[in-house]
Amino acid sequence: VRWVRPEGIHLTLKFMGEIPIATVEKVLKSLPEAVLGSSPFPLAI
């Protein structure tokens, strides 16, 4: 097995692959609006 390094473990919501930095900046601006109506919610491993 090739283990994921501990700091690389996360819960992926959206994988976008290889995208231009300009698109990354657009995502950055859109993301706060996308999560605006969400409240914190419980999760467990």
All heavy atoms as atom14 arrays in JSON, in Angstrom:
{
  "sequence": "VRWVRPEGIHLTLKFMGEIPIATVEKVLKSLPEAVLGSSPFPLAI",
  "atom14_mask": [
    [1, 1, 1, 1, 1, 1, 1, 0, 0, 0, 0, 0, 0, 0],
    [1, 1, 1, 1, 1, 1, 1, 1, 1, 1, 1, 0, 0, 0],
    [1, 1, 1, 1, 1, 1, 1, 1, 1, 1, 1, 1, 1, 1],
    [1, 1, 1, 1, 1, 1, 1, 0, 0, 0, 0, 0, 0, 0],
    [1, 1, 1, 1, 1, 1, 1, 1, 1, 1, 1, 0, 0, 0],
    [1, 1, 1, 1, 1, 1, 1, 0, 0, 0, 0, 0, 0, 0],
    [1, 1, 1, 1, 1, 1, 1, 1, 1, 0, 0, 0, 0, 0],
    [1, 1, 1, 1, 0, 0, 0, 0, 0, 0, 0, 0, 0, 0],
    [1, 1, 1, 1, 1, 1, 1, 1, 0, 0, 0, 0, 0, 0],
    [1, 1, 1, 1, 1, 1, 1, 1, 1, 1, 0, 0, 0, 0],
    [1, 1, 1, 1, 1, 1, 1, 1, 0, 0, 0, 0, 0, 0],
    [1, 1, 1, 1, 1, 1, 1, 0, 0, 0, 0, 0, 0, 0],
    [1, 1, 1, 1, 1, 1, 1, 1, 0, 0, 0, 0, 0, 0],
    [1, 1, 1, 1, 1, 1, 1, 1, 1, 0, 0, 0, 0, 0],
    [1, 1, 1, 1, 1, 1, 1, 1, 1, 1, 1, 0, 0, 0],
    [1, 1, 1, 1, 1, 1, 1, 1, 0, 0, 0, 0, 0, 0],
    [1, 1, 1, 1, 0, 0, 0, 0, 0, 0, 0, 0, 0, 0],
    [1, 1, 1, 1, 1, 1, 1, 1, 1, 0, 0, 0, 0, 0],
    [1, 1, 1, 1, 1, 1, 1, 1, 0, 0, 0, 0, 0, 0],
    [1, 1, 1, 1, 1, 1, 1, 0, 0, 0, 0, 0, 0, 0],
    [1, 1, 1, 1, 1, 1, 1, 1, 0, 0, 0, 0, 0, 0],
    [1, 1, 1, 1, 1, 0, 0, 0, 0, 0, 0, 0, 0, 0],
    [1, 1, 1, 1, 1, 1, 1, 0, 0, 0, 0, 0, 0, 0],
    [1, 1, 1, 1, 1, 1, 1, 0, 0, 0, 0, 0, 0, 0],
    [1, 1, 1, 1, 1, 1, 1, 1, 1, 0, 0, 0, 0, 0],
    [1, 1, 1, 1, 1, 1, 1, 1, 1, 0, 0, 0, 0, 0],
    [1, 1, 1, 1, 1, 1, 1, 0, 0, 0, 0, 0, 0, 0],
    [1, 1, 1, 1, 1, 1, 1, 1, 0, 0, 0, 0, 0, 0],
    [1, 1, 1, 1, 1, 1, 1, 1, 1, 0, 0, 0, 0, 0],
    [1, 1, 1, 1, 1, 1, 0, 0, 0, 0, 0, 0, 0, 0],
    [1, 1, 1, 1, 1, 1, 1, 1, 0, 0, 0, 0, 0, 0],
    [1, 1, 1, 1, 1, 1, 1, 0, 0, 0, 0, 0, 0, 0],
    [1, 1, 1, 1, 1, 1, 1, 1, 1, 0, 0, 0, 0, 0],
    [1, 1, 1, 1, 1, 0, 0, 0, 0, 0, 0, 0, 0, 0],
    [1, 1, 1, 1, 1, 1, 1, 0, 0, 0, 0, 0, 0, 0],
    [1, 1, 1, 1, 1, 1, 1, 1, 0, 0, 0, 0, 0, 0],
    [1, 1, 1, 1, 0, 0, 0, 0, 0, 0, 0, 0, 0, 0],
    [1, 1, 1, 1, 1, 1, 0, 0, 0, 0, 0, 0, 0, 0],
    [1, 1, 1, 1, 1, 1, 0, 0, 0, 0, 0, 0, 0, 0],
    [1, 1, 1, 1, 1, 1, 1, 0, 0, 0, 0, 0, 0, 0],
    [1, 1, 1, 1, 1, 1, 1, 1, 1, 1, 1, 0, 0, 0],
    [1, 1, 1, 1, 1, 1, 1, 0, 0, 0, 0, 0, 0, 0],
    [1, 1, 1, 1, 1, 1, 1, 1, 0, 0, 0, 0, 0, 0],
    [1, 1, 1, 1, 1, 0, 0, 0, 0, 0, 0, 0, 0, 0],
    [1, 1, 1, 1, 1, 1, 1, 1, 0, 0, 0, 0, 0, 0]
  ],
  "atom14_positions": [
    [[0.83, -1.21, 0.0], [0.0, 0.0, 0.0], [0.87, 1.25, 0.0], [1.88, 1.33, 0.69], [-0.93, 0.01, 1.23], [-1.75, 1.3, 1.28], [-1.84, -1.21, 1.23], [0.0, 0.0, 0.0], [0.0, 0.0, 0.0], [0.0, 0.0, 0.0], [0.0, 0.0, 0.0], [0.0, 0.0, 0.0], [0.0, 0.0, 0.0], [0.0, 0.0, 0.0]],
    [[0.45, 2.26, -0.77], [1.02, 3.61, -0.69], [0.08, 4.44, 0.2], [-1.02, 4.8, -0.21], [1.12, 4.26, -2.08], [2.02, 3.54, -3.05], [2.28, 4.39, -4.3], [1.04, 4.94, -4.86], [0.24, 4.29, -5.7], [0.55, 3.05, -6.09], [-0.84, 4.86, -6.16], [0.0, 0.0, 0.0], [0.0, 0.0, 0.0], [0.0, 0.0, 0.0]],
    [[0.53, 4.69, 1.41], [-0.32, 5.41, 2.36], [-0.35, 6.9, 2.07], [0.67, 7.48, 1.68], [0.17, 5.19, 3.8], [0.16, 3.77, 4.26], [1.25, 2.97, 4.5], [-0.99, 2.95, 4.54], [0.86, 1.72, 4.92], [-0.51, 1.67, 4.94], [-2.36, 3.17, 4.48], [-1.37, 0.63, 5.3], [-3.22, 2.13, 4.83], [-2.73, 0.89, 5.23]],
    [[-1.49, 7.52, 2.27], [-1.6, 8.98, 2.2], [-0.94, 9.56, 3.45], [-1.15, 9.06, 4.56], [-3.08, 9.41, 2.15], [-3.21, 10.94, 2.23], [-3.75, 8.89, 0.87], [0.0, 0.0, 0.0], [0.0, 0.0, 0.0], [0.0, 0.0, 0.0], [0.0, 0.0, 0.0], [0.0, 0.0, 0.0], [0.0, 0.0, 0.0], [0.0, 0.0, 0.0]],
    [[-0.14, 10.59, 3.27], [0.47, 11.24, 4.43], [-0.63, 11.85, 5.3], [-1.66, 12.31, 4.79], [1.46, 12.31, 3.98], [2.76, 11.73, 3.44], [3.71, 12.82, 3.0], [3.26, 13.44, 1.75], [3.94, 14.4, 1.13], [5.06, 14.87, 1.64], [3.49, 14.92, -0.01], [0.0, 0.0, 0.0], [0.0, 0.0, 0.0], [0.0, 0.0, 0.0]],
    [[-0.44, 11.86, 6.63], [-1.51, 12.32, 7.54], [-2.07, 13.68, 7.17], [-3.29, 13.89, 7.2], [-0.81, 12.35, 8.9], [0.26, 11.32, 8.79], [0.74, 11.38, 7.37], [0.0, 0.0, 0.0], [0.0, 0.0, 0.0], [0.0, 0.0, 0.0], [0.0, 0.0, 0.0], [0.0, 0.0, 0.0], [0.0, 0.0, 0.0], [0.0, 0.0, 0.0]],
    [[-1.21, 14.63, 6.8], [-1.69, 15.96, 6.48], [-2.45, 16.02, 5.16], [-3.06, 17.04, 4.83], [-0.51, 16.96, 6.43], [0.53, 16.65, 5.39], [1.66, 15.76, 5.91], [1.41, 14.95, 6.83], [2.79, 15.89, 5.41], [0.0, 0.0, 0.0], [0.0, 0.0, 0.0], [0.0, 0.0, 0.0], [0.0, 0.0, 0.0], [0.0, 0.0, 0.0]],
    [[-2.44, 14.92, 4.41], [-3.18, 14.86, 3.16], [-4.53, 14.2, 3.28], [-5.25, 14.06, 2.28], [0.0, 0.0, 0.0], [0.0, 0.0, 0.0], [0.0, 0.0, 0.0], [0.0, 0.0, 0.0], [0.0, 0.0, 0.0], [0.0, 0.0, 0.0], [0.0, 0.0, 0.0], [0.0, 0.0, 0.0], [0.0, 0.0, 0.0], [0.0, 0.0, 0.0]],
    [[-4.92, 13.78, 4.49], [-6.22, 13.14, 4.7], [-7.29, 14.22, 4.85], [-7.17, 15.11, 5.69], [-6.19, 12.23, 5.94], [-5.18, 11.09, 5.72], [-7.58, 11.66, 6.21], [-4.99, 10.21, 6.96], [0.0, 0.0, 0.0], [0.0, 0.0, 0.0], [0.0, 0.0, 0.0], [0.0, 0.0, 0.0], [0.0, 0.0, 0.0], [0.0, 0.0, 0.0]],
    [[-8.34, 14.14, 4.04], [-9.39, 15.14, 4.06], [-10.65, 14.54, 3.44], [-10.6, 13.49, 2.79], [-8.96, 16.37, 3.27], [-8.45, 16.02, 1.9], [-7.1, 15.88, 1.63], [-9.1, 15.73, 0.76], [-6.94, 15.52, 0.36], [-8.15, 15.41, -0.18], [0.0, 0.0, 0.0], [0.0, 0.0, 0.0], [0.0, 0.0, 0.0], [0.0, 0.0, 0.0]],
    [[-11.78, 15.21, 3.63], [-13.05, 14.79, 3.05], [-13.3, 15.61, 1.78], [-13.66, 16.78, 1.85], [-14.18, 14.99, 4.06], [-15.62, 14.82, 3.57], [-15.81, 13.48, 2.86], [-16.58, 14.98, 4.73], [0.0, 0.0, 0.0], [0.0, 0.0, 0.0], [0.0, 0.0, 0.0], [0.0, 0.0, 0.0], [0.0, 0.0, 0.0], [0.0, 0.0, 0.0]],
    [[-13.09, 15.0, 0.63], [-13.22, 15.71, -0.64], [-14.69, 15.94, -0.99], [-15.49, 15.0, -1.0], [-12.55, 14.93, -1.78], [-11.16, 14.76, -1.47], [-12.68, 15.68, -3.1], [0.0, 0.0, 0.0], [0.0, 0.0, 0.0], [0.0, 0.0, 0.0], [0.0, 0.0, 0.0], [0.0, 0.0, 0.0], [0.0, 0.0, 0.0], [0.0, 0.0, 0.0]],
    [[-15.04, 17.2, -1.26], [-16.37, 17.55, -1.74], [-16.39, 17.66, -3.26], [-17.37, 17.3, -3.91], [-16.83, 18.88, -1.14], [-17.06, 18.92, 0.37], [-17.44, 20.32, 0.79], [-18.13, 17.92, 0.79], [0.0, 0.0, 0.0], [0.0, 0.0, 0.0], [0.0, 0.0, 0.0], [0.0, 0.0, 0.0], [0.0, 0.0, 0.0], [0.0, 0.0, 0.0]],
    [[-15.29, 18.19, -3.83], [-15.24, 18.39, -5.28], [-13.8, 18.33, -5.75], [-12.97, 19.14, -5.32], [-15.84, 19.76, -5.63], [-15.72, 20.16, -7.09], [-16.61, 19.29, -7.97], [-16.56, 19.74, -9.43], [-17.4, 18.89, -10.3], [0.0, 0.0, 0.0], [0.0, 0.0, 0.0], [0.0, 0.0, 0.0], [0.0, 0.0, 0.0], [0.0, 0.0, 0.0]],
    [[-13.48, 17.37, -6.59], [-12.16, 17.29, -7.21], [-12.24, 17.93, -8.58], [-13.06, 17.54, -9.42], [-11.71, 15.83, -7.32], [-10.36, 15.68, -7.98], [-9.21, 16.08, -7.33], [-10.25, 15.16, -9.26], [-7.96, 15.97, -7.94], [-9.02, 15.03, -9.87], [-7.87, 15.44, -9.2], [0.0, 0.0, 0.0], [0.0, 0.0, 0.0], [0.0, 0.0, 0.0]],
    [[-11.4, 18.92, -8.82], [-11.46, 19.68, -10.08], [-10.35, 19.32, -11.05], [-10.37, 19.73, -12.21], [-11.43, 21.17, -9.76], [-12.68, 21.62, -9.01], [-12.58, 23.33, -8.38], [-11.4, 23.13, -7.03], [0.0, 0.0, 0.0], [0.0, 0.0, 0.0], [0.0, 0.0, 0.0], [0.0, 0.0, 0.0], [0.0, 0.0, 0.0], [0.0, 0.0, 0.0]],
    [[-9.34, 18.58, -10.57], [-8.25, 18.19, -11.44], [-7.32, 19.35, -11.76], [-7.24, 20.32, -11.02], [0.0, 0.0, 0.0], [0.0, 0.0, 0.0], [0.0, 0.0, 0.0], [0.0, 0.0, 0.0], [0.0, 0.0, 0.0], [0.0, 0.0, 0.0], [0.0, 0.0, 0.0], [0.0, 0.0, 0.0], [0.0, 0.0, 0.0], [0.0, 0.0, 0.0]],
    [[-6.64, 19.26, -12.89], [-5.69, 20.29, -13.31], [-6.46, 21.44, -13.95], [-7.03, 21.29, -15.04], [-4.69, 19.7, -14.31], [-3.85, 18.57, -13.77], [-2.68, 19.08, -12.94], [-2.33, 20.27, -13.07], [-2.12, 18.29, -12.17], [0.0, 0.0, 0.0], [0.0, 0.0, 0.0], [0.0, 0.0, 0.0], [0.0, 0.0, 0.0], [0.0, 0.0, 0.0]],
    [[-6.47, 22.59, -13.28], [-7.17, 23.75, -13.81], [-6.25, 24.98, -13.76], [-5.33, 25.03, -12.94], [-8.48, 24.03, -13.04], [-8.18, 24.33, -11.56], [-9.44, 22.86, -13.18], [-9.43, 24.73, -10.77], [0.0, 0.0, 0.0], [0.0, 0.0, 0.0], [0.0, 0.0, 0.0], [0.0, 0.0, 0.0], [0.0, 0.0, 0.0], [0.0, 0.0, 0.0]],
    [[-6.49, 25.96, -14.64], [-5.66, 27.17, -14.65], [-5.79, 27.95, -13.33], [-6.83, 27.92, -12.68], [-6.22, 27.98, -15.82], [-6.96, 26.99, -16.66], [-7.49, 25.97, -15.72], [0.0, 0.0, 0.0], [0.0, 0.0, 0.0], [0.0, 0.0, 0.0], [0.0, 0.0, 0.0], [0.0, 0.0, 0.0], [0.0, 0.0, 0.0], [0.0, 0.0, 0.0]],
    [[-4.73, 28.65, -12.96], [-4.76, 29.45, -11.76], [-5.89, 30.48, -11.82], [-6.53, 30.79, -10.81], [-3.4, 30.14, -11.53], [-2.39, 29.12, -11.02], [-3.51, 31.3, -10.56], [-1.03, 29.67, -10.7], [0.0, 0.0, 0.0], [0.0, 0.0, 0.0], [0.0, 0.0, 0.0], [0.0, 0.0, 0.0], [0.0, 0.0, 0.0], [0.0, 0.0, 0.0]],
    [[-6.15, 31.01, -13.01], [-7.25, 31.98, -13.15], [-8.58, 31.36, -12.75], [-9.43, 32.03, -12.13], [-7.31, 32.49, -14.59], [0.0, 0.0, 0.0], [0.0, 0.0, 0.0], [0.0, 0.0, 0.0], [0.0, 0.0, 0.0], [0.0, 0.0, 0.0], [0.0, 0.0, 0.0], [0.0, 0.0, 0.0], [0.0, 0.0, 0.0], [0.0, 0.0, 0.0]],
    [[-8.77, 30.08, -13.07], [-10.0, 29.4, -12.67], [-10.02, 29.14, -11.18], [-11.07, 29.24, -10.53], [-10.14, 28.06, -13.44], [-10.1, 28.32, -14.85], [-11.44, 27.37, -13.11], [0.0, 0.0, 0.0], [0.0, 0.0, 0.0], [0.0, 0.0, 0.0], [0.0, 0.0, 0.0], [0.0, 0.0, 0.0], [0.0, 0.0, 0.0], [0.0, 0.0, 0.0]],
    [[-8.85, 28.83, -10.61], [-8.76, 28.65, -9.15], [-9.23, 29.93, -8.45], [-9.96, 29.88, -7.46], [-7.31, 28.3, -8.73], [-7.2, 28.28, -7.21], [-6.91, 26.95, -9.3], [0.0, 0.0, 0.0], [0.0, 0.0, 0.0], [0.0, 0.0, 0.0], [0.0, 0.0, 0.0], [0.0, 0.0, 0.0], [0.0, 0.0, 0.0], [0.0, 0.0, 0.0]],
    [[-8.83, 31.07, -8.97], [-9.23, 32.33, -8.37], [-10.73, 32.54, -8.48], [-11.37, 33.09, -7.56], [-8.49, 33.49, -9.06], [-6.98, 33.48, -8.83], [-6.62, 33.57, -7.36], [-7.32, 34.26, -6.61], [-5.63, 32.92, -6.95], [0.0, 0.0, 0.0], [0.0, 0.0, 0.0], [0.0, 0.0, 0.0], [0.0, 0.0, 0.0], [0.0, 0.0, 0.0]],
    [[-11.35, 32.11, -9.57], [-12.8, 32.21, -9.71], [-13.51, 31.3, -8.69], [-14.52, 31.68, -8.11], [-13.22, 31.83, -11.13], [-12.78, 32.83, -12.2], [-13.22, 32.37, -13.58], [-12.76, 33.36, -14.65], [-13.15, 32.89, -16.02], [0.0, 0.0, 0.0], [0.0, 0.0, 0.0], [0.0, 0.0, 0.0], [0.0, 0.0, 0.0], [0.0, 0.0, 0.0]],
    [[-12.95, 30.1, -8.5], [-13.52, 29.19, -7.51], [-13.41, 29.81, -6.13], [-14.35, 29.75, -5.32], [-12.79, 27.83, -7.55], [-13.26, 26.94, -6.4], [-13.02, 27.13, -8.89], [0.0, 0.0, 0.0], [0.0, 0.0, 0.0], [0.0, 0.0, 0.0], [0.0, 0.0, 0.0], [0.0, 0.0, 0.0], [0.0, 0.0, 0.0], [0.0, 0.0, 0.0]],
    [[-12.28, 30.43, -5.85], [-12.05, 31.06, -4.57], [-13.11, 32.12, -4.27], [-13.59, 32.25, -3.15], [-10.66, 31.68, -4.55], [-10.24, 32.49, -3.32], [-10.31, 31.62, -2.07], [-8.85, 33.06, -3.5], [0.0, 0.0, 0.0], [0.0, 0.0, 0.0], [0.0, 0.0, 0.0], [0.0, 0.0, 0.0], [0.0, 0.0, 0.0], [0.0, 0.0, 0.0]],
    [[-13.48, 32.87, -5.29], [-14.49, 33.91, -5.11], [-15.9, 33.33, -4.98], [-16.75, 33.91, -4.3], [-14.43, 34.88, -6.29], [-13.16, 35.71, -6.35], [-13.14, 36.62, -7.55], [-11.85, 37.43, -7.61], [-11.81, 38.32, -8.81], [0.0, 0.0, 0.0], [0.0, 0.0, 0.0], [0.0, 0.0, 0.0], [0.0, 0.0, 0.0], [0.0, 0.0, 0.0]],
    [[-16.14, 32.18, -5.61], [-17.48, 31.59, -5.61], [-17.77, 30.74, -4.38], [-18.92, 30.6, -3.98], [-17.67, 30.73, -6.87], [-17.57, 31.49, -8.04], [0.0, 0.0, 0.0], [0.0, 0.0, 0.0], [0.0, 0.0, 0.0], [0.0, 0.0, 0.0], [0.0, 0.0, 0.0], [0.0, 0.0, 0.0], [0.0, 0.0, 0.0], [0.0, 0.0, 0.0]],
    [[-16.72, 30.17, -3.79], [-16.92, 29.21, -2.71], [-17.63, 29.78, -1.49], [-18.55, 29.14, -0.94], [-15.58, 28.59, -2.32], [-15.63, 27.38, -1.38], [-16.54, 26.3, -1.93], [-14.23, 26.82, -1.16], [0.0, 0.0, 0.0], [0.0, 0.0, 0.0], [0.0, 0.0, 0.0], [0.0, 0.0, 0.0], [0.0, 0.0, 0.0], [0.0, 0.0, 0.0]],
    [[-17.26, 30.98, -1.01], [-17.98, 31.52, 0.15], [-19.48, 31.65, -0.09], [-20.29, 31.39, 0.81], [-17.33, 32.89, 0.37], [-15.95, 32.73, -0.19], [-16.12, 31.84, -1.38], [0.0, 0.0, 0.0], [0.0, 0.0, 0.0], [0.0, 0.0, 0.0], [0.0, 0.0, 0.0], [0.0, 0.0, 0.0], [0.0, 0.0, 0.0], [0.0, 0.0, 0.0]],
    [[-19.87, 32.03, -1.3], [-21.29, 32.14, -1.63], [-21.96, 30.77, -1.63], [-23.11, 30.62, -1.22], [-21.44, 32.79, -3.0], [-22.89, 33.03, -3.41], [-23.02, 33.69, -4.77], [-22.04, 34.32, -5.22], [-24.1, 33.57, -5.38], [0.0, 0.0, 0.0], [0.0, 0.0, 0.0], [0.0, 0.0, 0.0], [0.0, 0.0, 0.0], [0.0, 0.0, 0.0]],
    [[-21.21, 29.74, -2.07], [-21.77, 28.39, -2.13], [-22.1, 27.84, -0.74], [-23.06, 27.1, -0.57], [-20.8, 27.45, -2.84], [0.0, 0.0, 0.0], [0.0, 0.0, 0.0], [0.0, 0.0, 0.0], [0.0, 0.0, 0.0], [0.0, 0.0, 0.0], [0.0, 0.0, 0.0], [0.0, 0.0, 0.0], [0.0, 0.0, 0.0], [0.0, 0.0, 0.0]],
    [[-21.29, 28.21, 0.26], [-21.49, 27.66, 1.61], [-22.2, 28.63, 2.53], [-22.39, 28.34, 3.72], [-20.14, 27.25, 2.24], [-19.42, 26.25, 1.36], [-19.25, 28.47, 2.49], [0.0, 0.0, 0.0], [0.0, 0.0, 0.0], [0.0, 0.0, 0.0], [0.0, 0.0, 0.0], [0.0, 0.0, 0.0], [0.0, 0.0, 0.0], [0.0, 0.0, 0.0]],
    [[-22.65, 29.77, 1.99], [-23.21, 30.83, 2.82], [-24.4, 30.37, 3.66], [-24.54, 30.73, 4.81], [-23.63, 32.01, 1.93], [-24.14, 33.25, 2.65], [-23.06, 33.83, 3.56], [-24.6, 34.31, 1.63], [0.0, 0.0, 0.0], [0.0, 0.0, 0.0], [0.0, 0.0, 0.0], [0.0, 0.0, 0.0], [0.0, 0.0, 0.0], [0.0, 0.0, 0.0]],
    [[-25.27, 29.56, 3.1], [-26.47, 29.15, 3.83], [-26.3, 27.93, 4.7], [-27.27, 27.45, 5.29], [0.0, 0.0, 0.0], [0.0, 0.0, 0.0], [0.0, 0.0, 0.0], [0.0, 0.0, 0.0], [0.0, 0.0, 0.0], [0.0, 0.0, 0.0], [0.0, 0.0, 0.0], [0.0, 0.0, 0.0], [0.0, 0.0, 0.0], [0.0, 0.0, 0.0]],
    [[-25.09, 27.41, 4.81], [-24.86, 26.17, 5.56], [-24.47, 26.47, 7.0], [-23.71, 27.41, 7.25], [-23.75, 25.34, 4.9], [-24.11, 25.0, 3.57], [0.0, 0.0, 0.0], [0.0, 0.0, 0.0], [0.0, 0.0, 0.0], [0.0, 0.0, 0.0], [0.0, 0.0, 0.0], [0.0, 0.0, 0.0], [0.0, 0.0, 0.0], [0.0, 0.0, 0.0]],
    [[-24.99, 25.68, 7.92], [-24.58, 25.77, 9.33], [-23.65, 24.61, 9.66], [-23.69, 23.57, 8.98], [-25.82, 25.72, 10.23], [-26.65, 26.83, 10.01], [0.0, 0.0, 0.0], [0.0, 0.0, 0.0], [0.0, 0.0, 0.0], [0.0, 0.0, 0.0], [0.0, 0.0, 0.0], [0.0, 0.0, 0.0], [0.0, 0.0, 0.0], [0.0, 0.0, 0.0]],
    [[-22.82, 24.74, 10.68], [-21.96, 23.62, 11.09], [-22.81, 22.37, 11.37], [-23.93, 22.47, 11.89], [-21.3, 24.14, 12.36], [-21.29, 25.62, 12.2], [-22.57, 25.96, 11.49], [0.0, 0.0, 0.0], [0.0, 0.0, 0.0], [0.0, 0.0, 0.0], [0.0, 0.0, 0.0], [0.0, 0.0, 0.0], [0.0, 0.0, 0.0], [0.0, 0.0, 0.0]],
    [[-22.27, 21.21, 11.02], [-23.03, 19.98, 11.21], [-22.1, 18.87, 11.7], [-20.9, 18.91, 11.45], [-23.71, 19.55, 9.89], [-22.79, 19.4, 8.72], [-22.23, 18.18, 8.4], [-22.48, 20.51, 7.93], [-21.38, 18.04, 7.32], [-21.62, 20.38, 6.83], [-21.08, 19.15, 6.53], [0.0, 0.0, 0.0], [0.0, 0.0, 0.0], [0.0, 0.0, 0.0]],
    [[-22.64, 17.89, 12.42], [-21.8, 16.86, 13.03], [-21.37, 15.78, 12.04], [-22.15, 15.34, 11.19], [-22.71, 16.26, 14.1], [-24.1, 16.46, 13.57], [-24.05, 17.77, 12.83], [0.0, 0.0, 0.0], [0.0, 0.0, 0.0], [0.0, 0.0, 0.0], [0.0, 0.0, 0.0], [0.0, 0.0, 0.0], [0.0, 0.0, 0.0], [0.0, 0.0, 0.0]],
    [[-20.11, 15.39, 12.15], [-19.57, 14.26, 11.4], [-18.81, 13.37, 12.36], [-18.41, 13.79, 13.44], [-18.64, 14.73, 10.28], [-19.28, 15.41, 9.07], [-18.2, 15.88, 8.1], [-20.25, 14.47, 8.37], [0.0, 0.0, 0.0], [0.0, 0.0, 0.0], [0.0, 0.0, 0.0], [0.0, 0.0, 0.0], [0.0, 0.0, 0.0], [0.0, 0.0, 0.0]],
    [[-18.59, 12.13, 11.96], [-17.82, 11.19, 12.78], [-17.11, 10.2, 11.87], [-17.61, 9.85, 10.8], [-18.74, 10.44, 13.74], [0.0, 0.0, 0.0], [0.0, 0.0, 0.0], [0.0, 0.0, 0.0], [0.0, 0.0, 0.0], [0.0, 0.0, 0.0], [0.0, 0.0, 0.0], [0.0, 0.0, 0.0], [0.0, 0.0, 0.0], [0.0, 0.0, 0.0]],
    [[-15.92, 9.79, 12.29], [-15.19, 8.73, 11.58], [-15.68, 7.4, 12.1], [-15.68, 7.15, 13.3], [-13.68, 8.87, 11.8], [-13.19, 10.24, 11.32], [-12.92, 7.75, 11.06], [-11.75, 10.52, 11.68], [0.0, 0.0, 0.0], [0.0, 0.0, 0.0], [0.0, 0.0, 0.0], [0.0, 0.0, 0.0], [0.0, 0.0, 0.0], [0.0, 0.0, 0.0]]
  ]
}
